[in-house]
Amino acid sequence: MLHLLIFALLAGTFLLGITWMRMGLFNLSGSKMEIWLKKFTNSPFMGMLAGIVMTAILQSSSAVTVIAVGLVSARILTFPQTIGIILGTNIGTTVTLEFLTFDLNHLIIPFIIGGVLLQFFKNTKLKSCGYIFLGIAIIFAAMNGFEILANSIEDVPMMEKLIELMKNNIAISFLTGTFLTAIIQSSTAMTGIAMTFLTSGTFDLNTGIAIMIGANIGTCATALLASIGAGNEARLTAYAHIWLNLIGAVIFLPFISILGQASSMLSDLPATQLAHASVLYNTIVSFLILPFARKFGQYIIWLHGK
């Protein structure tokens, strides 16, 4: 029970770090992002580029998808324009995971001190930079905590059984990633946690990849909630987000071992291998679907338009 409580506290701390970093980044650039989205979504390809850049800046695919849902609800964007954006968010969110592979532990204390000091300034941009510093420090501190916890969590009978099941069954790993991400509302946090468990040797790369693919689907819950009461086209955007990630999962789940082998060729570090696997997975899926983006949009309208 104590291990589970510590896990929940660390997960909450990790989410706090992501939220503060995202808040700082959004305060610095968020208002410009909506204007940028309106200008550069005339084609699925341009929408995808816009989604990649926005997600890389805001550090959240869910935030960008929710913005897209809001713009559709306000009739500023149409549903077909959001297909490319959604494809781009899946690629853009991998930037955060690659960032998490860097060893910034030596900067945790300086970032906390700098972040706190910047909160005493009245300038909004300086305060926002302070939130970014604090967010980064908290994220890496939480990841260190997860790594320490992973070394002892297998001593808990319930967790030992779950980890053993995930090691032997890709479907359970996938469903675990989906379920936990739907609860914590962040695929980045879920995959980041999986990266720390990989580093500690708790489970293997294929299990981590299955969790990552499941996390992509679990994060769709955020956009689905945002679409409630926002109109039919906004609802279609949320459904498109779910279907795009389901299609990717169906395509790749049988080939997880191949994706794992490709990622292993790019790095010797388990956590970095998972980050690279996320980049490969999301990029390949997005570019596979991109040529059919308009037809896919028509299919979603036919399926959920009523």
Foldseek 3Di string as FASTA:
>chain_A
DVLVVLVVVLLVLLLLLLVLLLQLLCLVCVVVLLVVLLVQQPALQSLLVSLQVVCLRSLALLVQLLSVLLCCLVVSDFLLSCLSNLLNVLQNNLNLLLVLVDPCQVCLVVLQVCLVVLCPDPDSNSNSSSSSSNSVSSNNVSLVVLLVSLLCVCVPVVVVVLLVCLQVDLVSLLQVLQVVCLVSLGLSSQLSSLLSNVQNVSHALLSSLSSSLSNQLNNLNSQCVSNVVSDLSSNLSSVSSNVLSVVLCVVPVVPSVVLLVVLCVVDVRSSSSSSVSSNVSSVVSSVVCSVCSNVSSVVSCVVRVD
